[in-house]
Amino acid sequence: MRDIHKSFYGVEVLHGVNLVLQPGTVHALMGENGAGKSTLMKVIAGVHAADSGKVFMDDREVEITSPAKARELGIAMIHQELSSELEMSVAENIFLGREPGRFGMVDYRQLYRQTDELLKELGIQLNPRTKMKRLRVADQQMVEIAKAISQKARVVIMDEPTSSITDKEVISLFEMIRGLKKSGVGIIYISHKMDEIFQICDEMTVLRDGTYINTFKAEEVDENILIRSMVGRDLGVQFPKVNVPIGEPVLEVEHLTLSNQYEDISFKLHKGEILGFVGLVGAGRTELMHSIFGMTRPESGRIILDGKEVRFKSPKEAIGHGIAYVTEDRKGEGLVLPMSVEKNITIAALGNFAKKGFLQKKQEAETVKAQIQALGIKVARPSVSVKSLSGGNQQKVVLAKWMISNPHVLIFDEPTRGIDVGAKAEIYKIMCDYVKKGNAIIMVSSEMPEAMGMSDRIIILSNHKCSGELKRSEFDQEAIAQMQFKYMQNEHVC
C-alpha cells in the first residue's frame, strides 16, 4: 500500500500511509485507538475506498472496490466484532455463500464432511452441525478464523484475534498462524498485547494519528521503543502502582456458593487495596462478581459490607450501598451506544439531578463537564454519540458513570480489554488515584502482567474454586499459572 489517503466528512483520517506485507510473514499493525489501523484494513478489505494512493499485489496494481473483490484477490479479514449468523450451523457459517451443492441444492453431507476435515486440520474441536448461538464467544472466534482459512486466502487480516479466547486456544491459534506462514500466506496482525506481538510477529508497522511512523523488524526493537513510536512520548513505568496504606476491611465474602458458577469462595477487601482475581476462562471470576453486585443471588454464604451483612436483590441495591461494577463488555452492558456521552455518564444516577420530578439540566451538564475533565475523556462535545469514541475513551465514560455516584468499592472486570497502551496507562492512573482516597478495587484480569503490576494481592480461581492467594511480595507468574490448573488435582486451598 502506497501513500494511502482517506477522509470522512471532510476530515482526513489517513495521511499518506504505507504498508508492505511479505509472503510467509506476520506483520503487526500497531497504534493507539484512533491511529487509523481499522480504516487502513477496511481499505484493504474493500469496505472503504481510498481517496488516493495505490495498492499492489505481486507488483501489479489492483483496485479493491468491494469486499467481494478483496476475496477474489485472496484477501480475508477476521473482524474484532464478530459477525456470525447465530441461527446457522458452524458449517453453514464457514462456507456461507460457497456451499457445495448439486442441482441448485446445498449438499449438506459434503458441507459437513468438508467442515469436519477443516476443523480437524486446524485442531478445533467443534461439531459442524452445532448452531453458532450455542457456542461460547471464544468458539465463535475460532469459527471465524476457520472461515478465513477455508477461503484459501493469500492475505489474512486478524483484528484482535485473541481478545475472547483462552490461553490454550491462543496456543492453537499461533500454531495455525505458523502453518499459514509455511504455506506462504501473509498475515496482518492487530493486537494491543505486546507479549503476543513479540511472540508471533516478524515485522511491525506503527501508525500515529493516521500517519505512517515507521516499520521495524521484530529483532531490532523492544517494547519501550515500540510504545514510544505509538504514543509519541515515553509512558514511563508501564504499571504506575503506588503504595497506599491498607485499611480495615470494607467488603467480606464468606463461603459464597452458586452451583456450577463458583464454590465456597471467601476473601476480604480492604480500604486502599487493589485486589486482583485471575483464572482461566470459565473459572467463575465474572460469575462471582455478578453475585457481589446483585445481578445473581448466591445459594449460600454471606456478603458483609462495612461490617454489616447485605443481601442484594438487584444491582440497584448494590449501587445504593456504594458498589459499582465496570463490566468487561462495555459495548454490550456498560454503554448505550446510540446515546450521547453526556447521557451515558448520568444514566446510572439521574436521581442526583432531579428536583420535584424534573431534571436539573444545568447541574447535569456541569457534572458531566467536570467528569470529562477529571478523567481526560477526549470528546469534541458531550452531546456526541458515545459509539464514536475510541475504546479507551469509552472505558473512561463507563468509569465516569460510576464515579458520580461516589462508590467506595469498584469492581473492575477486564479494565483494559481492547484499549491501547496510552489509554491503559491513563486507566491505571485513575485506579491509583481512586484507592488513594481510601476506596477499594476488585480487578478481574486475564492479562498476567496487568494483574501482577497493579494488584496488592491476587486471588486465583480454578474450576469455580479458590486455588490460591498471594501477596504482592510473593507474586510469581509461574506459580500463578500452576494454581490456575490446580482443579486438575482437585485441590481447594482457600
Protein backbone atom coordinates (compact mmCIF):
# COMPACT_ATOMS: atom_id res chain seq x y z
CA MET A 1 0.00 0.00 0.00
CA ARG A 2 1.50 3.31 -1.07
CA ASP A 3 0.55 6.80 0.07
CA ILE A 4 -3.00 5.90 1.15
CA HIS A 5 -5.25 8.85 1.98
CA LYS A 6 -8.78 8.58 3.34
CA SER A 7 -11.22 11.22 4.62
CA PHE A 8 -14.65 11.07 6.23
CA TYR A 9 -16.94 14.11 6.13
CA GLY A 10 -14.04 16.37 5.16
CA VAL A 11 -11.73 15.13 7.96
CA GLU A 12 -8.68 13.22 6.75
CA VAL A 13 -8.00 10.13 8.92
CA LEU A 14 -5.23 8.52 6.84
CA HIS A 15 -2.40 10.81 5.76
CA GLY A 16 -0.32 9.02 3.14
CA VAL A 17 0.10 5.65 4.87
CA ASN A 18 2.46 2.95 3.58
CA LEU A 19 2.45 -0.78 4.33
CA VAL A 20 4.46 -3.63 2.81
CA LEU A 21 3.47 -7.23 3.59
CA GLN A 22 5.84 -10.03 2.57
CA PRO A 23 4.61 -13.58 1.79
CA GLY A 24 5.02 -16.02 4.66
CA THR A 25 5.35 -13.34 7.36
CA VAL A 26 3.27 -11.99 10.22
CA HIS A 27 3.19 -8.19 10.13
CA ALA A 28 1.87 -6.33 13.19
CA LEU A 29 -0.06 -3.11 12.62
CA MET A 30 0.43 -1.04 15.77
CA GLY A 31 -1.00 2.21 17.10
CA GLU A 32 -3.30 3.68 19.70
CA ASN A 33 -7.07 3.60 19.26
CA GLY A 34 -7.86 6.19 16.60
CA ALA A 35 -4.48 5.78 14.89
CA GLY A 36 -6.15 4.62 11.67
CA LYS A 37 -5.46 0.86 11.83
CA SER A 38 -9.05 -0.27 11.26
CA THR A 39 -9.61 2.27 8.47
CA LEU A 40 -6.47 1.10 6.67
CA MET A 41 -7.54 -2.54 6.99
CA LYS A 42 -11.02 -1.73 5.68
CA VAL A 43 -9.37 -0.19 2.63
CA ILE A 44 -7.51 -3.46 2.03
CA ALA A 45 -10.68 -5.49 2.65
CA GLY A 46 -12.74 -3.39 0.22
CA VAL A 47 -15.06 -1.92 2.84
CA HIS A 48 -13.77 1.63 2.21
CA ALA A 49 -12.33 3.05 -1.00
CA ALA A 50 -9.15 5.09 -0.58
CA ASP A 51 -9.34 8.74 -1.73
CA SER A 52 -5.87 8.41 -3.23
CA GLY A 53 -2.88 6.09 -3.18
CA LYS A 54 -2.20 2.71 -4.73
CA VAL A 55 -2.44 -0.95 -3.74
CA PHE A 56 -0.21 -3.60 -5.33
CA MET A 57 -0.25 -7.40 -5.22
CA ASP A 58 2.74 -9.20 -6.76
CA ASP A 59 3.95 -5.83 -8.11
CA ARG A 60 0.69 -5.43 -10.04
CA GLU A 61 -1.61 -2.53 -9.19
CA VAL A 62 -5.09 -3.67 -8.14
CA GLU A 63 -8.35 -1.88 -7.40
CA ILE A 64 -10.22 -3.24 -4.38
CA THR A 65 -13.70 -1.88 -4.96
CA SER A 66 -15.69 -4.18 -2.67
CA PRO A 67 -15.33 -6.98 -0.10
CA ALA A 68 -16.19 -9.44 -2.88
CA LYS A 69 -13.30 -8.09 -4.97
CA ALA A 70 -10.98 -8.42 -1.95
CA ARG A 71 -11.99 -12.07 -1.51
CA GLU A 72 -11.46 -12.64 -5.23
CA LEU A 73 -7.91 -11.31 -4.82
CA GLY A 74 -7.33 -13.67 -1.88
CA ILE A 75 -7.76 -11.19 1.00
CA ALA A 76 -9.69 -12.30 4.10
CA MET A 77 -10.37 -10.24 7.24
CA ILE A 78 -11.29 -11.55 10.68
CA HIS A 79 -13.02 -8.65 12.43
CA GLN A 80 -12.76 -7.99 16.17
CA GLU A 81 -16.55 -7.55 16.30
CA LEU A 82 -17.84 -10.99 15.34
CA SER A 83 -20.48 -11.14 12.61
CA SER A 84 -21.64 -14.75 12.83
CA GLU A 85 -25.09 -15.88 11.68
CA LEU A 86 -26.19 -17.19 15.06
CA GLU A 87 -29.16 -19.25 13.84
CA MET A 88 -26.99 -21.13 11.33
CA SER A 89 -24.61 -24.01 11.98
CA VAL A 90 -20.82 -23.90 12.25
CA ALA A 91 -20.55 -25.45 8.76
CA GLU A 92 -23.04 -23.01 7.21
CA ASN A 93 -21.14 -20.05 8.68
CA ILE A 94 -17.75 -21.24 7.43
CA PHE A 95 -18.93 -21.85 3.85
CA LEU A 96 -21.62 -19.16 3.67
CA GLY A 97 -22.05 -18.22 0.00
CA ARG A 98 -19.64 -21.01 -1.04
CA GLU A 99 -21.69 -24.07 -0.09
CA PRO A 100 -21.08 -27.27 -2.06
CA GLY A 101 -24.21 -28.23 -3.99
CA ARG A 102 -25.91 -30.30 -6.64
CA PHE A 103 -28.80 -29.33 -8.92
CA GLY A 104 -29.13 -25.95 -7.18
CA MET A 105 -29.40 -27.52 -3.72
CA VAL A 106 -26.87 -27.47 -0.86
CA ASP A 107 -25.15 -30.83 -0.44
CA TYR A 108 -25.17 -30.94 3.36
CA ARG A 109 -23.35 -34.28 3.57
CA GLN A 110 -20.42 -32.80 1.67
CA LEU A 111 -20.70 -29.49 3.58
CA TYR A 112 -20.40 -31.24 6.96
CA ARG A 113 -17.60 -33.51 5.71
CA GLN A 114 -15.54 -30.58 4.39
CA THR A 115 -16.11 -28.63 7.60
CA ASP A 116 -15.15 -31.60 9.78
CA GLU A 117 -11.92 -32.07 7.80
CA LEU A 118 -11.08 -28.36 8.09
CA LEU A 119 -11.74 -28.20 11.83
CA LYS A 120 -9.67 -31.32 12.50
CA GLU A 121 -6.82 -29.92 10.39
CA LEU A 122 -6.89 -26.74 12.49
CA GLY A 123 -7.25 -28.59 15.81
CA ILE A 124 -10.67 -27.06 16.53
CA GLN A 125 -12.93 -29.45 18.42
CA LEU A 126 -16.42 -28.41 17.32
CA ASN A 127 -19.39 -30.21 15.79
CA PRO A 128 -20.06 -28.80 12.28
CA ARG A 129 -23.82 -29.15 12.90
CA THR A 130 -23.89 -27.05 16.09
CA LYS A 131 -25.70 -23.72 15.82
CA MET A 132 -23.48 -20.69 16.41
CA LYS A 133 -25.78 -19.32 19.12
CA ARG A 134 -24.88 -22.33 21.29
CA LEU A 135 -21.15 -21.58 21.16
CA ARG A 136 -19.07 -19.52 23.56
CA VAL A 137 -17.65 -16.28 22.16
CA ALA A 138 -14.21 -17.92 22.12
CA ASP A 139 -15.51 -20.76 19.92
CA GLN A 140 -17.27 -18.29 17.62
CA GLN A 141 -13.92 -16.55 17.21
CA MET A 142 -12.26 -19.84 16.21
CA VAL A 143 -15.01 -20.43 13.63
CA GLU A 144 -14.31 -17.00 12.10
CA ILE A 145 -10.63 -17.92 11.86
CA ALA A 146 -11.51 -21.24 10.21
CA LYS A 147 -13.76 -19.40 7.75
CA ALA A 148 -10.92 -17.12 6.66
CA ILE A 149 -8.51 -20.02 6.28
CA SER A 150 -11.08 -22.02 4.27
CA GLN A 151 -11.10 -19.28 1.64
CA LYS A 152 -7.51 -20.17 0.68
CA ALA A 153 -6.59 -16.54 1.28
CA ARG A 154 -3.14 -15.21 0.41
CA VAL A 155 -3.54 -12.30 2.83
CA VAL A 156 -5.28 -12.77 6.19
CA ILE A 157 -6.04 -9.76 8.40
CA MET A 158 -6.55 -10.62 12.09
CA ASP A 159 -8.02 -7.81 14.22
CA GLU A 160 -7.58 -8.59 17.96
CA PRO A 161 -7.99 -12.35 17.33
CA THR A 162 -7.18 -13.34 20.93
CA SER A 163 -9.45 -10.88 22.74
CA SER A 164 -12.06 -13.56 23.56
CA ILE A 165 -10.16 -16.86 23.59
CA THR A 166 -8.35 -18.83 26.28
CA ASP A 167 -4.59 -19.28 26.69
CA LYS A 168 -4.91 -22.84 25.34
CA GLU A 169 -6.77 -21.54 22.28
CA VAL A 170 -4.11 -18.85 21.77
CA ILE A 171 -1.52 -21.62 21.53
CA SER A 172 -3.68 -23.37 18.90
CA LEU A 173 -4.14 -20.08 17.01
CA PHE A 174 -0.39 -19.46 16.92
CA GLU A 175 0.14 -22.98 15.57
CA MET A 176 -2.37 -22.18 12.81
CA ILE A 177 -0.54 -18.94 12.04
CA ARG A 178 2.81 -20.74 11.79
CA GLY A 179 1.21 -23.23 9.40
CA LEU A 180 -0.13 -20.39 7.25
CA LYS A 181 3.33 -18.79 7.18
CA LYS A 182 4.88 -22.02 5.92
CA SER A 183 2.35 -22.09 3.07
CA GLY A 184 3.33 -18.55 2.03
CA VAL A 185 0.32 -16.66 3.43
CA GLY A 186 0.95 -13.10 4.60
CA ILE A 187 -0.78 -12.14 7.84
CA ILE A 188 -1.54 -8.64 9.15
CA TYR A 189 -1.96 -8.90 12.92
CA ILE A 190 -3.57 -6.21 15.09
CA SER A 191 -3.30 -6.55 18.86
CA HIS A 192 -2.71 -4.41 21.95
CA LYS A 193 -0.99 -7.34 23.71
CA MET A 194 2.73 -6.72 23.49
CA ASP A 195 3.74 -10.23 24.53
CA GLU A 196 1.78 -11.65 21.56
CA ILE A 197 3.33 -9.19 19.13
CA PHE A 198 6.88 -10.19 20.00
CA GLN A 199 5.97 -13.87 20.16
CA ILE A 200 4.37 -14.24 16.73
CA CYS A 201 5.24 -11.24 14.53
CA ASP A 202 8.19 -10.75 12.15
CA GLU A 203 7.70 -7.04 11.43
CA MET A 204 5.76 -4.13 12.93
CA THR A 205 4.38 -1.02 11.24
CA VAL A 206 3.39 1.85 13.55
CA LEU A 207 0.67 4.42 12.82
CA ARG A 208 0.01 7.51 14.92
CA ASP A 209 -2.95 9.85 14.32
CA GLY A 210 -3.43 8.46 10.82
CA THR A 211 0.22 8.96 9.87
CA TYR A 212 2.83 6.34 8.99
CA ILE A 213 5.63 6.47 11.59
CA ASN A 214 7.99 3.55 10.91
CA THR A 215 8.35 -0.15 10.16
CA PHE A 216 10.58 -2.31 12.37
CA LYS A 217 11.99 -5.81 12.25
CA ALA A 218 10.93 -7.66 15.41
CA GLU A 219 14.51 -8.42 16.43
CA GLU A 220 15.52 -4.74 16.12
CA VAL A 221 13.17 -3.24 18.73
CA ASP A 222 11.93 -3.79 22.25
CA GLU A 223 8.63 -2.93 23.90
CA ASN A 224 9.75 0.54 25.04
CA ILE A 225 10.82 1.62 21.54
CA LEU A 226 7.54 0.37 20.10
CA ILE A 227 5.43 2.17 22.71
CA ARG A 228 7.31 5.45 22.22
CA SER A 229 6.70 5.21 18.47
CA MET A 230 2.99 4.56 19.03
CA VAL A 231 2.24 7.31 21.54
CA GLY A 232 4.92 9.87 20.66
CA ARG A 233 6.07 10.05 24.25
CA ASP A 234 7.67 7.95 26.97
CA LEU A 235 4.98 6.48 29.24
CA GLY A 236 7.49 5.82 31.99
CA VAL A 237 6.62 2.88 34.21
CA GLN A 238 4.10 0.66 32.44
CA PHE A 239 2.17 -0.07 35.65
CA PRO A 240 2.19 3.06 37.85
CA LYS A 241 1.24 1.21 41.04
CA VAL A 242 1.50 3.40 44.13
CA ASN A 243 1.84 2.21 47.70
CA VAL A 244 -1.32 3.13 49.58
CA PRO A 245 -1.90 2.44 53.30
CA ILE A 246 -4.15 -0.62 53.54
CA GLY A 247 -7.03 -0.01 55.93
CA GLU A 248 -9.74 -2.06 57.54
CA PRO A 249 -11.94 -4.49 55.58
CA VAL A 250 -14.68 -2.79 53.57
CA LEU A 251 -16.07 -5.96 51.93
CA GLU A 252 -16.02 -9.53 53.22
CA VAL A 253 -17.19 -12.60 51.35
CA GLU A 254 -17.70 -15.79 53.38
CA HIS A 255 -18.19 -19.25 51.80
CA LEU A 256 -20.15 -17.90 48.82
CA THR A 257 -21.53 -20.65 46.57
CA LEU A 258 -23.68 -20.82 43.43
CA SER A 259 -23.97 -24.21 41.71
CA ASN A 260 -21.88 -24.58 38.54
CA GLN A 261 -20.68 -20.97 38.87
CA TYR A 262 -18.40 -20.74 41.95
CA GLU A 263 -17.95 -22.75 45.13
CA ASP A 264 -17.08 -21.84 48.74
CA ILE A 265 -15.33 -18.54 47.98
CA SER A 266 -14.07 -16.44 50.91
CA PHE A 267 -11.96 -13.27 50.90
CA LYS A 268 -11.64 -9.78 52.39
CA LEU A 269 -11.20 -6.49 50.51
CA HIS A 270 -9.56 -3.63 52.42
CA LYS A 271 -9.68 0.14 52.04
CA GLY A 272 -6.88 1.40 49.79
CA GLU A 273 -6.42 -2.02 48.20
CA ILE A 274 -6.49 -3.31 44.62
CA LEU A 275 -7.38 -6.99 44.87
CA GLY A 276 -6.73 -8.94 41.69
CA PHE A 277 -8.69 -12.00 40.55
CA VAL A 278 -7.18 -14.27 37.90
CA GLY A 279 -8.17 -17.60 36.40
CA LEU A 280 -8.80 -19.32 33.11
CA VAL A 281 -11.96 -18.63 31.10
CA GLY A 282 -14.81 -20.43 32.88
CA ALA A 283 -13.13 -20.38 36.29
CA GLY A 284 -16.01 -18.37 37.77
CA ARG A 285 -14.48 -14.91 38.15
CA THR A 286 -17.17 -12.87 36.40
CA GLU A 287 -19.97 -15.02 37.84
CA LEU A 288 -18.69 -14.28 41.35
CA MET A 289 -18.62 -10.54 40.61
CA HIS A 290 -22.21 -10.70 39.32
CA SER A 291 -23.35 -12.04 42.70
CA ILE A 292 -21.45 -9.43 44.67
CA PHE A 293 -23.13 -6.76 42.53
CA GLY A 294 -26.63 -8.22 42.94
CA MET A 295 -27.02 -9.50 39.37
CA THR A 296 -27.37 -13.10 40.61
CA ARG A 297 -28.13 -14.46 44.06
CA PRO A 298 -25.78 -16.99 45.72
CA GLU A 299 -27.27 -20.16 47.14
CA SER A 300 -25.24 -19.95 50.35
CA GLY A 301 -22.63 -17.83 52.07
CA ARG A 302 -22.54 -14.23 53.24
CA ILE A 303 -21.54 -10.82 51.88
CA ILE A 304 -20.56 -8.30 54.56
CA LEU A 305 -20.22 -4.63 53.64
CA ASP A 306 -18.80 -2.15 56.17
CA GLY A 307 -19.34 -4.69 58.94
CA LYS A 308 -22.98 -5.45 58.13
CA GLU A 309 -24.37 -8.42 56.21
CA VAL A 310 -26.13 -7.48 52.97
CA ARG A 311 -28.33 -9.46 50.59
CA PHE A 312 -28.69 -7.55 47.33
CA LYS A 313 -31.76 -8.40 45.27
CA SER A 314 -30.63 -6.22 42.37
CA PRO A 315 -27.74 -4.08 41.11
CA LYS A 316 -29.77 -1.03 42.15
CA GLU A 317 -29.43 -2.08 45.79
CA ALA A 318 -25.69 -2.66 45.38
CA ILE A 319 -25.29 0.80 43.84
CA GLY A 320 -27.23 2.26 46.75
CA HIS A 321 -24.70 0.70 49.13
CA GLY A 322 -21.71 2.20 47.29
CA ILE A 323 -20.68 -0.63 44.97
CA ALA A 324 -20.02 -0.03 41.24
CA TYR A 325 -19.31 -2.57 38.52
CA VAL A 326 -17.37 -1.81 35.32
CA THR A 327 -18.32 -4.76 33.13
CA GLU A 328 -15.90 -6.48 30.74
CA ASP A 329 -18.41 -5.95 27.89
CA ARG A 330 -18.52 -2.17 27.82
CA LYS A 331 -20.36 -2.01 24.48
CA GLY A 332 -22.99 -4.64 25.30
CA GLU A 333 -23.52 -3.94 29.01
CA GLY A 334 -21.64 -0.79 30.05
CA LEU A 335 -22.87 1.74 27.49
CA VAL A 336 -25.94 2.66 25.48
CA LEU A 337 -24.13 3.21 22.17
CA PRO A 338 -26.71 5.35 20.29
CA MET A 339 -26.93 7.79 23.22
CA SER A 340 -24.65 10.75 23.86
CA VAL A 341 -21.60 10.82 26.08
CA GLU A 342 -23.49 13.08 28.48
CA LYS A 343 -26.48 10.74 28.84
CA ASN A 344 -24.26 7.70 29.30
CA ILE A 345 -22.40 9.41 32.13
CA THR A 346 -25.53 10.36 34.07
CA ILE A 347 -27.78 7.38 33.27
CA ALA A 348 -27.00 5.47 36.49
CA ALA A 349 -27.50 8.45 38.79
CA LEU A 350 -30.33 10.54 37.33
CA GLY A 351 -31.81 10.89 40.80
CA ASN A 352 -28.85 13.10 41.69
CA PHE A 353 -30.07 15.66 39.15
CA ALA A 354 -33.81 15.53 39.83
CA LYS A 355 -35.82 18.06 41.79
CA LYS A 356 -39.56 17.59 42.26
CA GLY A 357 -39.58 15.15 39.35
CA PHE A 358 -37.75 17.46 36.94
CA LEU A 359 -34.23 17.01 35.58
CA GLN A 360 -31.87 19.86 36.51
CA LYS A 361 -30.09 20.08 33.17
CA LYS A 362 -27.62 22.77 34.22
CA GLN A 363 -26.45 20.71 37.19
CA GLU A 364 -26.25 17.62 34.96
CA ALA A 365 -24.16 19.47 32.35
CA GLU A 366 -21.76 20.84 35.00
CA THR A 367 -21.22 17.38 36.49
CA VAL A 368 -20.59 15.85 33.07
CA LYS A 369 -18.08 18.58 32.22
CA ALA A 370 -16.25 18.01 35.50
CA GLN A 371 -16.04 14.24 34.86
CA ILE A 372 -14.78 14.73 31.31
CA GLN A 373 -12.02 17.00 32.61
CA ALA A 374 -11.16 14.82 35.62
CA LEU A 375 -10.83 11.60 33.59
CA GLY A 376 -9.34 13.20 30.48
CA ILE A 377 -12.08 11.98 28.13
CA LYS A 378 -11.25 13.10 24.59
CA VAL A 379 -14.53 14.23 23.05
CA ALA A 380 -15.46 17.25 20.92
CA ARG A 381 -18.60 17.91 22.97
CA PRO A 382 -20.73 15.93 25.48
CA SER A 383 -23.63 15.66 23.02
CA VAL A 384 -21.80 13.40 20.53
CA SER A 385 -22.71 9.71 20.38
CA VAL A 386 -20.59 7.55 22.67
CA LYS A 387 -20.14 4.97 19.89
CA SER A 388 -17.93 7.47 18.01
CA LEU A 389 -15.28 7.39 20.76
CA SER A 390 -12.20 5.18 20.88
CA GLY A 391 -12.19 2.13 23.15
CA GLY A 392 -10.12 3.88 25.81
CA ASN A 393 -12.42 6.89 25.91
CA GLN A 394 -15.50 4.67 26.02
CA GLN A 395 -13.99 2.92 29.04
CA LYS A 396 -13.49 6.31 30.71
CA VAL A 397 -17.15 7.15 30.06
CA VAL A 398 -18.16 3.95 31.87
CA LEU A 399 -15.91 4.98 34.75
CA ALA A 400 -17.36 8.48 34.81
CA LYS A 401 -20.86 6.99 35.00
CA TRP A 402 -19.97 5.25 38.24
CA MET A 403 -17.79 7.96 39.75
CA ILE A 404 -20.66 10.43 40.05
CA SER A 405 -22.42 8.03 42.43
CA ASN A 406 -19.35 8.14 44.75
CA PRO A 407 -18.85 4.37 45.18
CA HIS A 408 -16.34 3.13 47.75
CA VAL A 409 -15.99 -0.32 46.17
CA LEU A 410 -15.30 -0.57 42.43
CA ILE A 411 -15.41 -3.94 40.66
CA PHE A 412 -13.31 -3.65 37.50
CA ASP A 413 -13.79 -6.62 35.12
CA GLU A 414 -11.04 -6.63 32.44
CA PRO A 415 -10.26 -2.91 32.88
CA THR A 416 -8.15 -2.50 29.72
CA ARG A 417 -9.55 -5.06 27.27
CA GLY A 418 -9.30 -3.78 23.70
CA ILE A 419 -7.69 -0.42 24.50
CA ASP A 420 -4.26 0.87 23.52
CA VAL A 421 -1.15 1.30 25.65
CA GLY A 422 -1.61 5.05 26.12
CA ALA A 423 -5.19 4.66 27.32
CA LYS A 424 -4.13 1.77 29.55
CA ALA A 425 -1.64 3.99 31.36
CA GLU A 426 -4.38 6.58 31.93
CA ILE A 427 -6.82 3.94 33.29
CA TYR A 428 -4.14 2.64 35.67
CA LYS A 429 -3.52 6.17 36.98
CA ILE A 430 -7.27 6.64 37.56
CA MET A 431 -7.31 3.38 39.53
CA CYS A 432 -4.39 4.50 41.70
CA ASP A 433 -5.98 7.90 42.37
CA TYR A 434 -9.23 6.17 43.34
CA VAL A 435 -7.68 3.93 46.03
CA LYS A 436 -5.57 6.82 47.37
CA LYS A 437 -8.88 8.27 48.62
CA GLY A 438 -9.49 5.22 50.80
CA ASN A 439 -11.66 3.37 48.30
CA ALA A 440 -11.08 -0.23 47.18
CA ILE A 441 -10.96 -2.05 43.84
CA ILE A 442 -11.57 -5.64 42.82
CA MET A 443 -9.82 -6.15 39.47
CA VAL A 444 -10.57 -9.17 37.28
CA SER A 445 -7.89 -9.51 34.61
CA SER A 446 -6.84 -12.09 32.02
CA GLU A 447 -3.54 -10.27 31.42
CA MET A 448 -0.98 -11.59 33.89
CA PRO A 449 1.42 -8.60 33.64
CA GLU A 450 -1.51 -6.28 34.40
CA ALA A 451 -2.72 -8.36 37.34
CA MET A 452 0.78 -8.55 38.84
CA GLY A 453 1.61 -4.94 38.03
CA MET A 454 -1.48 -3.35 39.59
CA SER A 455 -2.62 -5.65 42.43
CA ASP A 456 -1.74 -5.61 46.13
CA ARG A 457 -2.94 -9.21 46.40
CA ILE A 458 -4.04 -11.78 43.84
CA ILE A 459 -6.67 -14.50 44.34
CA ILE A 460 -6.56 -17.34 41.84
CA LEU A 461 -9.75 -19.18 40.83
CA SER A 462 -9.71 -22.61 39.21
CA ASN A 463 -12.73 -24.67 38.21
CA HIS A 464 -15.07 -22.41 40.26
CA LYS A 465 -12.93 -22.70 43.42
CA CYS A 466 -10.26 -20.60 45.07
CA SER A 467 -6.93 -22.33 44.38
CA GLY A 468 -4.52 -19.81 45.89
CA GLU A 469 -3.85 -16.33 47.25
CA LEU A 470 -0.60 -14.37 47.00
CA LYS A 471 0.65 -11.08 48.47
CA ARG A 472 2.46 -8.65 46.17
CA SER A 473 5.84 -9.72 47.55
CA GLU A 474 5.00 -13.33 46.62
CA PHE A 475 3.91 -12.72 43.01
CA ASP A 476 5.38 -15.26 40.61
CA GLN A 477 3.92 -15.80 37.15
CA GLU A 478 4.80 -19.50 37.02
CA ALA A 479 3.29 -20.15 40.45
CA ILE A 480 0.08 -18.33 39.48
CA ALA A 481 -0.14 -20.30 36.23
CA GLN A 482 0.18 -23.56 38.16
CA MET A 483 -2.58 -22.53 40.56
CA GLN A 484 -4.89 -21.84 37.61
CA PHE A 485 -4.69 -25.57 36.77
CA LYS A 486 -5.00 -26.90 40.32
CA TYR A 487 -8.53 -28.14 39.67
CA MET A 488 -6.89 -31.00 37.75
CA GLN A 489 -5.64 -32.32 41.09
CA ASN A 490 -8.99 -31.45 42.66
CA GLU A 491 -7.28 -29.17 45.19
CA HIS A 492 -9.06 -26.46 47.16
CA VAL A 493 -6.78 -24.42 49.36
CA CYS A 494 -8.70 -21.23 50.27
